[in-house]
């Protein structure tokens, strides 16, 4: 893994809290973020897992001041498409990548496998740290995020739209979910924080169910808050 001090890097970016905290830590190590990489579904309309629109991912990138590269893939060809993007990033001189995985070994093994194919060094700043401590660090650092996806069999829809704060974490745990949602219980959308030049001004819409998950539709307001 190694230290990122003084190195240019790209960051895998979902739009959620874990990828954001990993980016935050990498920058605090002295790394220089040059690109965000976000994967969307094969129709190119919504991001994988978090189901965020291109306008929201772009607004996050603009607020962070980091260019974003968006890829499209189905789950069947995800690895092949991801490898294509890694090849391009390496060709652009970005040989270090930051990922927000915490402790799911198959995820780490996959990251290491695909990075190795293009000589990229993967960095997992959150790896094997206590999950509740990580979400606490995210909150205490001043980041603002809300829950936009829940797994129906583990959480009810009342969690959608809730800000990630200590009362929400306690409610998640009381419902039997992991505080960090590392097992897929929920996904989040980061709205503001110390890396953001301005907050995203969002409006929420309908709740849509698909594949055992419930998704809160989100869109940007016509103007962002300063």
Foldseek 3Di string as FASTA:
>chain_A
DDQQAPEEAEEADAQFLLSVLQVVVNVVSHHHYAEYEFEPEQVQAATPLQGHGPVQVVLQCVQLVHYYDYHYYHPVCVLVRVLVVLLVCVVVVHQEYEYRAEEDVVVVVSVVVSSVVNNHHYDHPRYPDDQVVSLVCSVVQPWWKAWFKAQQVQDDPVRHGDILDDVSLVVSVVSVAHSNCNVVGTTMHIFDGPSGNFGFAKDWDDWDDDDRMIGIDIDGDPDTGD
